[in-house]
Amino acid sequence: MSRWTRWLVDGGALAASLLLRWWRTAAQTARLAIGIPDYDYYVEHMQRAHPGLEPMSRDAFFHERMMARYGKGRSRCC
């Protein structure tokens, strides 16, 4: 394989990696903007930051997030 071909292959892999990272970040930002919690990010965080603890199930996670958002009753603002 020539240097040029190797450079193209490495550059393509890098571009694909950056595009995938951008897409995941954009999707997570969009979910947060419309109020949908990201369970996969939560599981990754739990494995990385709290390896001894077991993450909540998907259903428990969404229930906890919805209660945190809506379970407090009316807002006292205005």
N, C-alpha and C. Protein backbone atom coordinates (compact mmCIF):
# COMPACT_ATOMS: atom_id res chain seq x y z
N MET A 1 0.85 -1.18 0.00
CA MET A 1 0.00 0.00 0.00
C MET A 1 0.89 1.24 0.00
N SER A 2 0.61 2.14 -0.89
CA SER A 2 1.42 3.35 -0.99
C SER A 2 1.10 4.32 0.15
N ARG A 3 1.98 5.28 0.31
CA ARG A 3 1.74 6.29 1.36
C ARG A 3 0.44 7.05 1.10
N TRP A 4 0.21 7.39 -0.14
CA TRP A 4 -0.99 8.14 -0.51
C TRP A 4 -2.25 7.35 -0.16
N THR A 5 -2.28 6.07 -0.49
CA THR A 5 -3.43 5.23 -0.19
C THR A 5 -3.62 5.09 1.31
N ARG A 6 -2.51 4.89 2.02
CA ARG A 6 -2.58 4.78 3.48
C ARG A 6 -3.11 6.08 4.09
N TRP A 7 -2.65 7.21 3.55
CA TRP A 7 -3.11 8.51 4.05
C TRP A 7 -4.61 8.68 3.81
N LEU A 8 -5.09 8.26 2.64
CA LEU A 8 -6.52 8.36 2.33
C LEU A 8 -7.35 7.46 3.25
N VAL A 9 -6.87 6.25 3.50
CA VAL A 9 -7.59 5.32 4.37
C VAL A 9 -7.62 5.86 5.79
N ASP A 10 -6.47 6.32 6.30
CA ASP A 10 -6.42 6.88 7.65
C ASP A 10 -7.29 8.13 7.76
N GLY A 11 -7.24 8.98 6.74
CA GLY A 11 -8.06 10.20 6.74
C GLY A 11 -9.54 9.88 6.70
N GLY A 12 -9.92 8.87 5.93
CA GLY A 12 -11.33 8.45 5.87
C GLY A 12 -11.81 7.90 7.19
N ALA A 13 -10.97 7.11 7.85
CA ALA A 13 -11.34 6.56 9.16
C ALA A 13 -11.48 7.68 10.19
N LEU A 14 -10.57 8.65 10.12
CA LEU A 14 -10.65 9.78 11.04
C LEU A 14 -11.91 10.59 10.79
N ALA A 15 -12.22 10.84 9.53
CA ALA A 15 -13.42 11.61 9.19
C ALA A 15 -14.68 10.88 9.65
N ALA A 16 -14.71 9.56 9.45
CA ALA A 16 -15.87 8.78 9.89
C ALA A 16 -16.01 8.82 11.41
N SER A 17 -14.89 8.73 12.11
CA SER A 17 -14.91 8.79 13.58
C SER A 17 -15.41 10.15 14.06
N LEU A 18 -14.92 11.22 13.45
CA LEU A 18 -15.37 12.56 13.84
C LEU A 18 -16.84 12.78 13.52
N LEU A 19 -17.28 12.28 12.37
CA LEU A 19 -18.69 12.41 11.99
C LEU A 19 -19.59 11.65 12.96
N LEU A 20 -19.18 10.45 13.34
CA LEU A 20 -19.96 9.66 14.30
C LEU A 20 -20.03 10.36 15.65
N ARG A 21 -18.90 10.89 16.10
CA ARG A 21 -18.88 11.61 17.38
C ARG A 21 -19.79 12.84 17.30
N TRP A 22 -19.73 13.59 16.19
CA TRP A 22 -20.59 14.77 16.02
C TRP A 22 -22.06 14.35 16.04
N TRP A 23 -22.39 13.27 15.33
CA TRP A 23 -23.77 12.82 15.26
C TRP A 23 -24.29 12.44 16.65
N ARG A 24 -23.52 11.72 17.43
CA ARG A 24 -23.94 11.33 18.79
C ARG A 24 -24.15 12.55 19.67
N THR A 25 -23.24 13.51 19.57
CA THR A 25 -23.37 14.73 20.37
C THR A 25 -24.60 15.53 19.94
N ALA A 26 -24.82 15.64 18.63
CA ALA A 26 -26.00 16.37 18.14
C ALA A 26 -27.29 15.68 18.57
N ALA A 27 -27.33 14.36 18.50
CA ALA A 27 -28.53 13.62 18.91
C ALA A 27 -28.78 13.78 20.40
N GLN A 28 -27.72 13.71 21.21
CA GLN A 28 -27.89 13.89 22.65
C GLN A 28 -28.37 15.31 22.96
N THR A 29 -27.82 16.30 22.29
CA THR A 29 -28.25 17.68 22.50
C THR A 29 -29.71 17.87 22.12
N ALA A 30 -30.11 17.28 21.01
CA ALA A 30 -31.51 17.39 20.58
C ALA A 30 -32.44 16.73 21.59
N ARG A 31 -32.06 15.56 22.09
CA ARG A 31 -32.90 14.88 23.10
C ARG A 31 -33.04 15.73 24.35
N LEU A 32 -31.92 16.31 24.80
CA LEU A 32 -31.99 17.15 26.00
C LEU A 32 -32.82 18.41 25.75
N ALA A 33 -32.75 18.96 24.55
CA ALA A 33 -33.50 20.17 24.24
C ALA A 33 -35.00 19.94 24.27
N ILE A 34 -35.44 18.76 23.89
CA ILE A 34 -36.87 18.49 23.90
C ILE A 34 -37.31 17.69 25.11
N GLY A 35 -36.37 17.40 26.01
CA GLY A 35 -36.74 16.80 27.28
C GLY A 35 -36.73 15.29 27.33
N ILE A 36 -36.07 14.63 26.39
CA ILE A 36 -35.98 13.18 26.41
C ILE A 36 -34.64 12.79 27.03
N PRO A 37 -34.63 12.13 28.16
CA PRO A 37 -33.36 11.74 28.78
C PRO A 37 -32.65 10.66 27.96
N ASP A 38 -31.33 10.62 28.05
CA ASP A 38 -30.51 9.71 27.26
C ASP A 38 -30.06 8.55 28.14
N TYR A 39 -30.73 7.41 28.03
CA TYR A 39 -30.44 6.25 28.86
C TYR A 39 -29.05 5.68 28.57
N ASP A 40 -28.66 5.61 27.31
CA ASP A 40 -27.36 5.04 26.96
C ASP A 40 -26.22 5.86 27.56
N TYR A 41 -26.35 7.18 27.56
CA TYR A 41 -25.34 8.03 28.18
C TYR A 41 -25.30 7.79 29.68
N TYR A 42 -26.47 7.63 30.30
CA TYR A 42 -26.54 7.34 31.73
C TYR A 42 -25.81 6.04 32.06
N VAL A 43 -26.04 5.00 31.27
CA VAL A 43 -25.38 3.71 31.52
C VAL A 43 -23.87 3.84 31.37
N GLU A 44 -23.40 4.53 30.33
CA GLU A 44 -21.97 4.75 30.15
C GLU A 44 -21.39 5.50 31.34
N HIS A 45 -22.10 6.52 31.81
CA HIS A 45 -21.64 7.29 32.97
C HIS A 45 -21.54 6.41 34.21
N MET A 46 -22.55 5.59 34.43
CA MET A 46 -22.54 4.72 35.61
C MET A 46 -21.38 3.73 35.55
N GLN A 47 -21.11 3.17 34.39
CA GLN A 47 -20.00 2.22 34.26
C GLN A 47 -18.66 2.91 34.44
N ARG A 48 -18.54 4.14 33.96
CA ARG A 48 -17.28 4.87 34.04
C ARG A 48 -17.05 5.46 35.43
N ALA A 49 -18.05 6.09 35.99
CA ALA A 49 -17.87 6.84 37.24
C ALA A 49 -18.23 6.05 38.49
N HIS A 50 -19.12 5.08 38.37
CA HIS A 50 -19.59 4.31 39.53
C HIS A 50 -19.58 2.82 39.19
N PRO A 51 -18.41 2.22 38.99
CA PRO A 51 -18.36 0.84 38.51
C PRO A 51 -18.96 -0.17 39.49
N GLY A 52 -19.03 0.13 40.76
CA GLY A 52 -19.57 -0.80 41.74
C GLY A 52 -21.09 -0.80 41.81
N LEU A 53 -21.73 0.20 41.24
CA LEU A 53 -23.18 0.30 41.30
C LEU A 53 -23.83 -0.21 40.02
N GLU A 54 -24.96 -0.84 40.15
CA GLU A 54 -25.70 -1.31 38.98
C GLU A 54 -26.63 -0.20 38.50
N PRO A 55 -26.62 0.10 37.21
CA PRO A 55 -27.51 1.16 36.71
C PRO A 55 -28.97 0.73 36.78
N MET A 56 -29.87 1.71 36.83
CA MET A 56 -31.30 1.43 36.84
C MET A 56 -31.71 0.79 35.51
N SER A 57 -32.82 0.10 35.54
CA SER A 57 -33.37 -0.43 34.30
C SER A 57 -33.86 0.74 33.46
N ARG A 58 -34.08 0.49 32.18
CA ARG A 58 -34.55 1.56 31.28
C ARG A 58 -35.88 2.14 31.77
N ASP A 59 -36.81 1.27 32.17
CA ASP A 59 -38.11 1.75 32.65
C ASP A 59 -37.97 2.57 33.92
N ALA A 60 -37.16 2.09 34.86
CA ALA A 60 -36.95 2.82 36.12
C ALA A 60 -36.29 4.17 35.86
N PHE A 61 -35.34 4.19 34.93
CA PHE A 61 -34.65 5.44 34.59
C PHE A 61 -35.62 6.48 34.05
N PHE A 62 -36.45 6.07 33.08
CA PHE A 62 -37.40 7.02 32.50
C PHE A 62 -38.44 7.47 33.52
N HIS A 63 -38.88 6.56 34.38
CA HIS A 63 -39.84 6.95 35.41
C HIS A 63 -39.21 7.97 36.37
N GLU A 64 -37.97 7.72 36.78
CA GLU A 64 -37.29 8.64 37.70
C GLU A 64 -37.09 10.01 37.05
N ARG A 65 -36.72 10.04 35.77
CA ARG A 65 -36.52 11.30 35.06
C ARG A 65 -37.82 12.07 34.89
N MET A 66 -38.91 11.38 34.61
CA MET A 66 -40.20 12.05 34.45
C MET A 66 -40.70 12.57 35.80
N MET A 67 -40.48 11.82 36.86
CA MET A 67 -40.87 12.30 38.20
C MET A 67 -40.03 13.51 38.60
N ALA A 68 -38.75 13.50 38.25
CA ALA A 68 -37.90 14.64 38.57
C ALA A 68 -38.35 15.88 37.79
N ARG A 69 -38.86 15.66 36.59
CA ARG A 69 -39.27 16.80 35.78
C ARG A 69 -40.67 17.28 36.10
N TYR A 70 -41.62 16.35 36.29
CA TYR A 70 -43.02 16.72 36.42
C TYR A 70 -43.64 16.40 37.78
N GLY A 71 -42.95 15.66 38.61
CA GLY A 71 -43.56 15.16 39.83
C GLY A 71 -43.64 16.14 40.99
N LYS A 72 -43.13 17.33 40.84
CA LYS A 72 -43.09 18.28 41.94
C LYS A 72 -44.32 19.17 41.99
N GLY A 73 -45.28 18.97 41.13
CA GLY A 73 -46.44 19.83 41.11
C GLY A 73 -46.19 21.08 40.29
N ARG A 74 -47.00 22.07 40.51
CA ARG A 74 -46.86 23.30 39.73
C ARG A 74 -45.61 24.06 40.10
N SER A 75 -45.11 24.74 39.14
CA SER A 75 -43.95 25.60 39.36
C SER A 75 -44.41 26.84 40.12
N ARG A 76 -43.60 27.38 40.96
CA ARG A 76 -43.97 28.57 41.72
C ARG A 76 -43.53 29.85 41.02
N CYS A 77 -43.03 29.69 39.82
CA CYS A 77 -42.61 30.87 39.08
C CYS A 77 -43.84 31.65 38.60
N CYS A 78 -43.84 32.93 38.77
CA CYS A 78 -44.89 33.84 38.29
C CYS A 78 -46.22 33.47 38.90
